[in-house]
Amino acid sequence: GGVGKPVIAALNGHFTAAGMVLALNADLRVGLAGTKGGIAEVRVGRGTPWAVPMLWMLPQAVLLEMLLTGEMLPVERLHQVGFINHLEPTPDDVRARARTLAAAVVRNAPLSLRAAKQGLRMGTALGSEQGLAASKELHKAVYASEDAREGPRAFAEKRTPVWKGR
């Protein structure tokens, strides 16, 4: 499951509930300094089955603190533990960083991007051994593609690759 293309979240405010669900389902996250993120469901008697994938995104102690206290954590702490990729001082800077990341992503081979994203998600879902096997299977099409020949050729010719997505 999930979205096939890379998703970048520009988090320009506090995020909890559905905002946290959207953030955790993004591939890259840019946060606004001074904001907070959290999981407040315990405060209103709701559940958090959607938080399970966060075991692979955050240290367990940090995740449990969020789940058990319902308290919001500073985005700086979430950046420190690796949940947020970049912190920016203003909303415009958050959007600019997200656009810079997007520009870096779109320069890359689409088949490689898709397999990398899907492989990591499958590895999380299946565990290390089965996930590695599934990821290797996903990458067979990447290695057999025109793009797999174009990348090294462009590198050798000192030019920008022309990706075909096949």
Protein backbone atom coordinates (compact mmCIF):
# COMPACT_ATOMS: atom_id res chain seq x y z
CA GLY A 1 0.00 0.00 0.00
CA GLY A 2 0.59 3.62 0.29
CA VAL A 3 1.32 6.25 -2.32
CA GLY A 4 3.80 5.12 -4.99
CA LYS A 5 5.46 8.50 -5.44
CA PRO A 6 7.61 10.12 -2.74
CA VAL A 7 5.60 12.38 -0.41
CA ILE A 8 7.15 15.40 1.35
CA ALA A 9 5.30 16.99 4.27
CA ALA A 10 5.79 20.71 4.89
CA LEU A 11 4.62 20.92 8.52
CA ASN A 12 3.88 24.61 9.06
CA GLY A 13 2.13 24.28 12.39
CA HIS A 14 1.34 21.95 15.27
CA PHE A 15 0.41 18.41 14.20
CA THR A 16 -1.59 15.80 16.07
CA ALA A 17 -4.46 13.40 15.29
CA ALA A 18 -4.99 13.36 11.50
CA GLY A 19 -2.03 15.75 11.10
CA MET A 20 0.24 13.20 12.77
CA VAL A 21 -1.20 10.41 10.60
CA LEU A 22 -0.41 12.47 7.49
CA ALA A 23 3.09 13.27 8.80
CA LEU A 24 3.92 9.64 9.60
CA ASN A 25 2.76 8.57 6.13
CA ALA A 26 5.04 11.12 4.43
CA ASP A 27 8.48 10.00 3.29
CA LEU A 28 10.27 13.23 4.17
CA ARG A 29 9.22 15.84 6.74
CA VAL A 30 10.15 19.50 7.10
CA GLY A 31 9.10 21.11 10.39
CA LEU A 32 8.61 24.67 11.58
CA ALA A 33 10.75 25.62 14.59
CA GLY A 34 8.72 26.30 17.70
CA THR A 35 5.82 23.99 16.82
CA LYS A 36 4.82 20.69 18.43
CA GLY A 37 3.69 17.26 17.33
CA GLY A 38 1.89 14.63 19.32
CA ILE A 39 -0.55 11.78 19.69
CA ALA A 40 -3.36 12.86 22.02
CA GLU A 41 -5.85 10.02 21.56
CA VAL A 42 -5.41 8.72 25.14
CA ARG A 43 -6.76 12.04 26.39
CA VAL A 44 -10.10 11.47 24.61
CA GLY A 45 -10.43 7.70 24.90
CA ARG A 46 -9.55 6.98 21.28
CA GLY A 47 -7.16 4.38 19.84
CA THR A 48 -3.91 4.57 17.92
CA PRO A 49 -3.52 1.40 15.84
CA TRP A 50 -2.17 3.64 13.07
CA ALA A 51 0.88 4.44 15.25
CA VAL A 52 2.41 0.95 14.93
CA PRO A 53 4.59 1.86 11.89
CA MET A 54 6.11 4.61 14.04
CA LEU A 55 8.03 1.87 15.89
CA TRP A 56 10.36 1.96 12.88
CA MET A 57 10.50 5.78 12.83
CA LEU A 58 11.09 6.75 16.45
CA PRO A 59 12.87 5.31 19.47
CA GLN A 60 10.37 3.19 21.42
CA ALA A 61 10.72 5.29 24.59
CA VAL A 62 9.86 8.50 22.70
CA LEU A 63 6.90 6.87 20.94
CA LEU A 64 5.59 5.44 24.21
CA GLU A 65 5.89 8.83 25.90
CA MET A 66 3.75 10.32 23.14
CA LEU A 67 1.20 7.48 23.24
CA LEU A 68 0.94 7.18 27.02
CA THR A 69 1.00 10.85 28.07
CA GLY A 70 -0.86 12.43 25.16
CA GLU A 71 1.56 15.37 25.52
CA MET A 72 2.82 17.29 22.52
CA LEU A 73 6.58 17.15 21.92
CA PRO A 74 8.59 20.07 20.53
CA VAL A 75 9.37 19.62 16.84
CA GLU A 76 13.03 20.16 17.79
CA ARG A 77 12.90 16.92 19.83
CA LEU A 78 11.23 15.07 16.93
CA HIS A 79 14.02 16.36 14.67
CA GLN A 80 16.67 15.27 17.18
CA VAL A 81 15.35 11.67 17.16
CA GLY A 82 15.09 11.58 13.35
CA PHE A 83 11.33 11.86 12.73
CA ILE A 84 11.70 15.32 11.14
CA ASN A 85 14.28 15.59 8.34
CA HIS A 86 14.76 19.36 8.45
CA LEU A 87 13.78 22.24 10.74
CA GLU A 88 13.24 25.73 9.35
CA PRO A 89 12.61 29.06 11.11
CA THR A 90 9.67 30.38 9.03
CA PRO A 91 6.75 28.92 7.05
CA ASP A 92 8.28 30.25 3.81
CA ASP A 93 11.55 28.48 4.67
CA VAL A 94 9.64 25.24 5.39
CA ARG A 95 8.01 25.41 1.95
CA ALA A 96 11.30 26.34 0.26
CA ARG A 97 13.11 23.38 1.89
CA ALA A 98 10.28 21.03 0.82
CA ARG A 99 10.59 22.32 -2.76
CA THR A 100 14.39 21.86 -2.66
CA LEU A 101 13.94 18.26 -1.48
CA ALA A 102 11.32 17.65 -4.17
CA ALA A 103 13.66 19.02 -6.84
CA ALA A 104 16.41 16.67 -5.63
CA VAL A 105 14.02 13.70 -5.68
CA VAL A 106 12.65 14.33 -9.20
CA ARG A 107 16.16 14.37 -10.68
CA ASN A 108 16.43 10.67 -9.88
CA ALA A 109 15.40 7.54 -11.77
CA PRO A 110 11.66 6.90 -11.24
CA LEU A 111 11.94 3.10 -11.12
CA SER A 112 14.71 3.33 -8.53
CA LEU A 113 12.67 5.77 -6.44
CA ARG A 114 9.59 3.56 -6.51
CA ALA A 115 11.51 0.39 -5.62
CA ALA A 116 13.47 2.14 -2.85
CA LYS A 117 10.32 3.48 -1.21
CA GLN A 118 8.34 0.27 -1.63
CA GLY A 119 11.28 -1.89 -0.52
CA LEU A 120 11.66 -0.01 2.76
CA ARG A 121 7.92 -0.14 3.43
CA MET A 122 7.86 -3.88 2.73
CA GLY A 123 10.91 -4.40 4.93
CA THR A 124 9.10 -2.66 7.77
CA ALA A 125 5.98 -4.73 7.16
CA LEU A 126 7.70 -8.09 6.65
CA GLY A 127 10.71 -7.84 8.93
CA SER A 128 14.36 -7.81 7.95
CA GLU A 129 14.80 -11.19 6.27
CA GLN A 130 11.56 -11.34 4.27
CA GLY A 131 11.77 -7.60 3.63
CA LEU A 132 15.25 -7.87 2.14
CA ALA A 133 14.09 -10.70 -0.14
CA ALA A 134 11.02 -8.70 -1.22
CA SER A 135 13.14 -5.60 -1.85
CA LYS A 136 15.59 -7.60 -3.98
CA GLU A 137 12.62 -8.87 -6.01
CA LEU A 138 11.30 -5.31 -6.46
CA HIS A 139 14.70 -4.11 -7.65
CA LYS A 140 15.04 -6.74 -10.41
CA ALA A 141 13.00 -4.51 -12.73
CA VAL A 142 15.21 -1.55 -11.81
CA TYR A 143 18.43 -3.36 -12.70
CA ALA A 144 16.94 -4.68 -15.97
CA SER A 145 15.64 -1.25 -17.06
CA GLU A 146 16.82 1.21 -19.70
CA ASP A 147 17.34 3.68 -16.85
CA ALA A 148 19.85 1.29 -15.23
CA ARG A 149 21.96 1.55 -18.38
CA GLU A 150 21.36 5.29 -18.85
CA GLY A 151 22.54 6.27 -15.34
CA PRO A 152 26.09 4.90 -15.56
CA ARG A 153 26.36 5.98 -19.21
CA ALA A 154 25.39 9.57 -18.34
CA PHE A 155 27.79 9.52 -15.38
CA ALA A 156 30.65 8.33 -17.61
CA GLU A 157 29.76 10.96 -20.23
CA LYS A 158 29.55 13.67 -17.52
CA ARG A 159 25.98 14.65 -18.42
CA THR A 160 22.58 14.69 -16.72
CA PRO A 161 20.73 11.39 -17.18
CA VAL A 162 17.57 11.32 -19.27
CA TRP A 163 15.20 9.04 -17.36
CA LYS A 164 12.54 7.09 -19.25
CA GLY A 165 10.93 5.30 -16.31
CA ARG A 166 11.37 1.99 -18.08
